[in-house]
Amino acid sequence: MFKRVAPYIGEYKKYTVWAVIMMTIGIIASVLPYFFLYQIISPLTRGESIGMTFLLIRVAAVAVCEIIYSVTYVQGLAFSHVSAYNTLKNLRISLQGKLEKQPLGNIKEMGTGRIKKVFTDDIDQIELLLAHAIPEGIANIAIPVIIIILMFVYDWRLGLLSLV
């Protein structure tokens, strides 16, 4: 379906690309707090003490990551919706041009209900694909990759075990 809609994206393709980039940054920022929390909990479970500075840096890092996640993910959604709704606009304009070239008899045969369904309902269903499925899907692929990388950063054996 995307291949059929892609020609109508036009100049708004850059917004889709930016949406993917922003959402990927947001996804990375949403995973990193678990790594920082692990850095706090791990020494405590081994009976070691942690300093206040160590703790405050990790807590601040978690807060910064959550802020980055919120800002970038929402901005990514905004970019994806700009792209999606302008693509839908372009698609409707193209359909209007094709409809105007049809003989009046064909238009009467189709009926206004069917035309309304195509212009409104059918095209609106594409919004879910363009504004959510594509950018969020691509960004969500980053989650398992980031988790495996973080496992390798902490302990390469844990990373290998998770890959097996």
C-alpha atoms as a PDB file:
ATOM      1  CA  MET A   1       0.000   0.000   0.000  1.00  0.00           C
ATOM      2  CA  PHE A   2       2.850   2.374   0.831  1.00  0.00           C
ATOM      3  CA  LYS A   3       4.273   2.045  -2.681  1.00  0.00           C
ATOM      4  CA  ARG A   4       0.990   3.294  -4.127  1.00  0.00           C
ATOM      5  CA  VAL A   5       0.849   6.260  -1.741  1.00  0.00           C
ATOM      6  CA  ALA A   6       4.571   7.165  -1.884  1.00  0.00           C
ATOM      7  CA  PRO A   7       4.347   9.303  -5.053  1.00  0.00           C
ATOM      8  CA  TYR A   8       1.932  11.644  -3.255  1.00  0.00           C
ATOM      9  CA  ILE A   9       4.314  12.387  -0.371  1.00  0.00           C
ATOM     10  CA  GLY A  10       6.259  14.828  -2.534  1.00  0.00           C
ATOM     11  CA  GLU A  11       8.123  17.551  -0.688  1.00  0.00           C
ATOM     12  CA  TYR A  12       6.898  16.236   2.688  1.00  0.00           C
ATOM     13  CA  LYS A  13       9.166  13.185   2.587  1.00  0.00           C
ATOM     14  CA  LYS A  14      11.705  15.129   4.643  1.00  0.00           C
ATOM     15  CA  TYR A  15       9.145  15.398   7.453  1.00  0.00           C
ATOM     16  CA  THR A  16       8.777  11.625   7.493  1.00  0.00           C
ATOM     17  CA  VAL A  17      12.552  11.232   7.648  1.00  0.00           C
ATOM     18  CA  TRP A  18      12.757  13.748  10.493  1.00  0.00           C
ATOM     19  CA  ALA A  19       9.900  11.967  12.269  1.00  0.00           C
ATOM     20  CA  VAL A  20      11.829   8.694  12.152  1.00  0.00           C
ATOM     21  CA  ILE A  21      15.011  10.399  13.395  1.00  0.00           C
ATOM     22  CA  MET A  22      13.247  12.198  16.243  1.00  0.00           C
ATOM     23  CA  MET A  23      11.294   9.122  17.315  1.00  0.00           C
ATOM     24  CA  THR A  24      14.457   7.000  17.240  1.00  0.00           C
ATOM     25  CA  ILE A  25      16.215   9.508  19.482  1.00  0.00           C
ATOM     26  CA  GLY A  26      13.177   9.410  21.757  1.00  0.00           C
ATOM     27  CA  ILE A  27      13.199   5.608  21.867  1.00  0.00           C
ATOM     28  CA  ILE A  28      16.912   5.592  22.717  1.00  0.00           C
ATOM     29  CA  ALA A  29      16.261   8.115  25.478  1.00  0.00           C
ATOM     30  CA  SER A  30      13.438   5.941  26.826  1.00  0.00           C
ATOM     31  CA  VAL A  31      15.679   2.868  27.127  1.00  0.00           C
ATOM     32  CA  LEU A  32      18.734   4.529  28.689  1.00  0.00           C
ATOM     33  CA  PRO A  33      17.120   5.167  32.108  1.00  0.00           C
ATOM     34  CA  TYR A  34      17.048   1.406  32.702  1.00  0.00           C
ATOM     35  CA  PHE A  35      20.799   1.316  32.178  1.00  0.00           C
ATOM     36  CA  PHE A  36      21.304   4.154  34.648  1.00  0.00           C
ATOM     37  CA  LEU A  37      19.014   2.484  37.191  1.00  0.00           C
ATOM     38  CA  TYR A  38      20.998  -0.704  36.757  1.00  0.00           C
ATOM     39  CA  GLN A  39      24.167   1.245  37.538  1.00  0.00           C
ATOM     40  CA  ILE A  40      22.545   2.342  40.813  1.00  0.00           C
ATOM     41  CA  ILE A  41      21.090  -1.028  41.815  1.00  0.00           C
ATOM     42  CA  SER A  42      23.997  -3.278  40.817  1.00  0.00           C
ATOM     43  CA  PRO A  43      26.535  -2.062  43.417  1.00  0.00           C
ATOM     44  CA  LEU A  44      23.859  -2.117  46.115  1.00  0.00           C
ATOM     45  CA  THR A  45      23.021  -5.775  45.424  1.00  0.00           C
ATOM     46  CA  ARG A  46      26.723  -6.650  45.792  1.00  0.00           C
ATOM     47  CA  GLY A  47      26.788  -4.955  49.205  1.00  0.00           C
ATOM     48  CA  GLU A  48      28.853  -2.011  48.000  1.00  0.00           C
ATOM     49  CA  SER A  49      28.089   1.558  48.936  1.00  0.00           C
ATOM     50  CA  ILE A  50      27.558   4.309  46.421  1.00  0.00           C
ATOM     51  CA  GLY A  51      28.369   7.958  46.814  1.00  0.00           C
ATOM     52  CA  MET A  52      25.824  10.741  46.732  1.00  0.00           C
ATOM     53  CA  THR A  53      27.476  12.290  43.662  1.00  0.00           C
ATOM     54  CA  PHE A  54      27.302   8.952  41.818  1.00  0.00           C
ATOM     55  CA  LEU A  55      23.634   8.632  42.724  1.00  0.00           C
ATOM     56  CA  LEU A  56      22.715  12.228  41.799  1.00  0.00           C
ATOM     57  CA  ILE A  57      24.428  11.961  38.406  1.00  0.00           C
ATOM     58  CA  ARG A  58      22.452   8.792  37.576  1.00  0.00           C
ATOM     59  CA  VAL A  59      19.152  10.270  38.779  1.00  0.00           C
ATOM     60  CA  ALA A  60      19.810  13.457  36.775  1.00  0.00           C
ATOM     61  CA  ALA A  61      20.643  11.325  33.719  1.00  0.00           C
ATOM     62  CA  VAL A  62      17.316   9.487  34.089  1.00  0.00           C
ATOM     63  CA  ALA A  63      15.455  12.810  34.325  1.00  0.00           C
ATOM     64  CA  VAL A  64      17.267  14.226  31.296  1.00  0.00           C
ATOM     65  CA  CYS A  65      16.522  11.069  29.300  1.00  0.00           C
ATOM     66  CA  GLU A  66      12.828  11.289  30.155  1.00  0.00           C
ATOM     67  CA  ILE A  67      12.706  14.927  29.087  1.00  0.00           C
ATOM     68  CA  ILE A  68      14.546  14.142  25.841  1.00  0.00           C
ATOM     69  CA  TYR A  69      12.142  11.258  25.207  1.00  0.00           C
ATOM     70  CA  SER A  70       9.084  13.429  25.746  1.00  0.00           C
ATOM     71  CA  VAL A  71      10.274  16.286  23.561  1.00  0.00           C
ATOM     72  CA  THR A  72      11.681  14.246  20.678  1.00  0.00           C
ATOM     73  CA  TYR A  73       8.874  11.711  20.511  1.00  0.00           C
ATOM     74  CA  VAL A  74       6.181  14.388  20.470  1.00  0.00           C
ATOM     75  CA  GLN A  75       8.131  16.362  17.860  1.00  0.00           C
ATOM     76  CA  GLY A  76       8.477  13.184  15.804  1.00  0.00           C
ATOM     77  CA  LEU A  77       4.727  12.660  15.963  1.00  0.00           C
ATOM     78  CA  ALA A  78       4.198  16.249  14.868  1.00  0.00           C
ATOM     79  CA  PHE A  79       6.520  15.772  11.876  1.00  0.00           C
ATOM     80  CA  SER A  80       4.854  12.496  10.909  1.00  0.00           C
ATOM     81  CA  HIS A  81       1.398  14.076  11.037  1.00  0.00           C
ATOM     82  CA  VAL A  82       2.481  17.048   8.916  1.00  0.00           C
ATOM     83  CA  SER A  83       3.763  14.612   6.327  1.00  0.00           C
ATOM     84  CA  ALA A  84       0.739  12.322   6.566  1.00  0.00           C
ATOM     85  CA  TYR A  85      -1.948  14.992   6.292  1.00  0.00           C
ATOM     86  CA  ASN A  86      -0.220  16.763   3.419  1.00  0.00           C
ATOM     87  CA  THR A  87       0.152  13.428   1.648  1.00  0.00           C
ATOM     88  CA  LEU A  88      -3.568  12.811   2.136  1.00  0.00           C
ATOM     89  CA  LYS A  89      -4.253  16.300   0.775  1.00  0.00           C
ATOM     90  CA  ASN A  90      -2.161  15.544  -2.314  1.00  0.00           C
ATOM     91  CA  LEU A  91      -3.941  12.230  -2.754  1.00  0.00           C
ATOM     92  CA  ARG A  92      -7.358  13.879  -2.550  1.00  0.00           C
ATOM     93  CA  ILE A  93      -6.341  16.566  -5.051  1.00  0.00           C
ATOM     94  CA  SER A  94      -5.157  13.874  -7.452  1.00  0.00           C
ATOM     95  CA  LEU A  95      -8.408  11.937  -7.038  1.00  0.00           C
ATOM     96  CA  GLN A  96     -10.383  15.112  -7.585  1.00  0.00           C
ATOM     97  CA  GLY A  97      -8.548  15.677 -10.875  1.00  0.00           C
ATOM     98  CA  LYS A  98      -9.342  12.134 -11.995  1.00  0.00           C
ATOM     99  CA  LEU A  99     -12.968  12.499 -10.921  1.00  0.00           C
ATOM    100  CA  GLU A 100     -13.343  15.743 -12.886  1.00  0.00           C
ATOM    101  CA  LYS A 101     -12.281  13.926 -16.076  1.00  0.00           C
ATOM    102  CA  GLN A 102     -14.948  11.242 -15.668  1.00  0.00           C
ATOM    103  CA  PRO A 103     -18.180  11.473 -17.652  1.00  0.00           C
ATOM    104  CA  LEU A 104     -21.118  12.710 -15.596  1.00  0.00           C
ATOM    105  CA  GLY A 105     -22.928   9.404 -16.178  1.00  0.00           C
ATOM    106  CA  ASN A 106     -20.136   7.452 -14.489  1.00  0.00           C
ATOM    107  CA  ILE A 107     -20.219   9.813 -11.517  1.00  0.00           C
ATOM    108  CA  LYS A 108     -24.002   9.436 -11.185  1.00  0.00           C
ATOM    109  CA  GLU A 109     -23.603   5.655 -11.402  1.00  0.00           C
ATOM    110  CA  MET A 110     -21.096   5.619  -8.566  1.00  0.00           C
ATOM    111  CA  GLY A 111     -23.301   7.742  -6.361  1.00  0.00           C
ATOM    112  CA  THR A 112     -22.314  10.386  -3.865  1.00  0.00           C
ATOM    113  CA  GLY A 113     -22.079   7.880  -1.009  1.00  0.00           C
ATOM    114  CA  ARG A 114     -19.376   5.866  -2.721  1.00  0.00           C
ATOM    115  CA  ILE A 115     -17.473   8.995  -3.728  1.00  0.00           C
ATOM    116  CA  LYS A 116     -17.666  10.313  -0.161  1.00  0.00           C
ATOM    117  CA  LYS A 117     -16.441   6.953   1.157  1.00  0.00           C
ATOM    118  CA  VAL A 118     -13.404   7.023  -1.141  1.00  0.00           C
ATOM    119  CA  PHE A 119     -12.536  10.676  -0.482  1.00  0.00           C
ATOM    120  CA  THR A 120     -13.123  10.583   3.261  1.00  0.00           C
ATOM    121  CA  ASP A 121     -13.137   7.142   4.833  1.00  0.00           C
ATOM    122  CA  ASP A 122     -10.734   5.235   2.588  1.00  0.00           C
ATOM    123  CA  ILE A 123      -8.135   7.998   2.434  1.00  0.00           C
ATOM    124  CA  ASP A 124      -8.375   8.642   6.195  1.00  0.00           C
ATOM    125  CA  GLN A 125      -7.398   5.012   6.842  1.00  0.00           C
ATOM    126  CA  ILE A 126      -4.046   5.707   5.189  1.00  0.00           C
ATOM    127  CA  GLU A 127      -3.251   8.253   7.923  1.00  0.00           C
ATOM    128  CA  LEU A 128      -2.617   5.461  10.432  1.00  0.00           C
ATOM    129  CA  LEU A 129       0.016   3.955   8.156  1.00  0.00           C
ATOM    130  CA  LEU A 130       1.722   7.239   7.298  1.00  0.00           C
ATOM    131  CA  ALA A 131       1.619   8.995  10.665  1.00  0.00           C
ATOM    132  CA  HIS A 132       2.111   6.062  13.020  1.00  0.00           C
ATOM    133  CA  ALA A 133       2.981   2.653  11.581  1.00  0.00           C
ATOM    134  CA  ILE A 134       5.933   3.695   9.443  1.00  0.00           C
ATOM    135  CA  PRO A 135       7.771   6.185  11.685  1.00  0.00           C
ATOM    136  CA  GLU A 136       6.971   4.452  14.978  1.00  0.00           C
ATOM    137  CA  GLY A 137       7.668   1.022  13.522  1.00  0.00           C
ATOM    138  CA  ILE A 138      11.091   2.019  12.266  1.00  0.00           C
ATOM    139  CA  ALA A 139      11.911   3.763  15.551  1.00  0.00           C
ATOM    140  CA  ASN A 140      10.764   0.758  17.603  1.00  0.00           C
ATOM    141  CA  ILE A 141      13.190  -1.487  15.756  1.00  0.00           C
ATOM    142  CA  ALA A 142      15.892   0.440  17.619  1.00  0.00           C
ATOM    143  CA  ILE A 143      14.742  -0.853  21.038  1.00  0.00           C
ATOM    144  CA  PRO A 144      16.109  -4.426  20.820  1.00  0.00           C
ATOM    145  CA  VAL A 145      19.265  -3.189  19.098  1.00  0.00           C
ATOM    146  CA  ILE A 146      19.943  -0.673  21.867  1.00  0.00           C
ATOM    147  CA  ILE A 147      19.252  -3.212  24.611  1.00  0.00           C
ATOM    148  CA  ILE A 148      21.688  -5.710  23.096  1.00  0.00           C
ATOM    149  CA  ILE A 149      24.340  -2.999  22.683  1.00  0.00           C
ATOM    150  CA  LEU A 150      23.895  -1.966  26.322  1.00  0.00           C
ATOM    151  CA  MET A 151      24.240  -5.591  27.373  1.00  0.00           C
ATOM    152  CA  PHE A 152      27.528  -5.818  25.479  1.00  0.00           C
ATOM    153  CA  VAL A 153      28.679  -2.550  27.072  1.00  0.00           C
ATOM    154  CA  TYR A 154      28.070  -3.887  30.547  1.00  0.00           C
ATOM    155  CA  ASP A 155      29.142  -7.513  30.044  1.00  0.00           C
ATOM    156  CA  TRP A 156      30.024  -9.053  26.679  1.00  0.00           C
ATOM    157  CA  ARG A 157      29.023 -12.516  27.975  1.00  0.00           C
ATOM    158  CA  LEU A 158      25.528 -11.234  28.765  1.00  0.00           C
ATOM    159  CA  GLY A 159      25.321  -9.784  25.251  1.00  0.00           C
ATOM    160  CA  LEU A 160      26.372 -13.090  23.673  1.00  0.00           C
ATOM    161  CA  LEU A 161      23.944 -15.012  25.848  1.00  0.00           C
ATOM    162  CA  SER A 162      21.060 -12.742  24.825  1.00  0.00           C
ATOM    163  CA  LEU A 163      21.919 -13.215  21.148  1.00  0.00           C
ATOM    164  CA  VAL A 164      21.876 -16.995  21.538  1.00  0.00           C
END
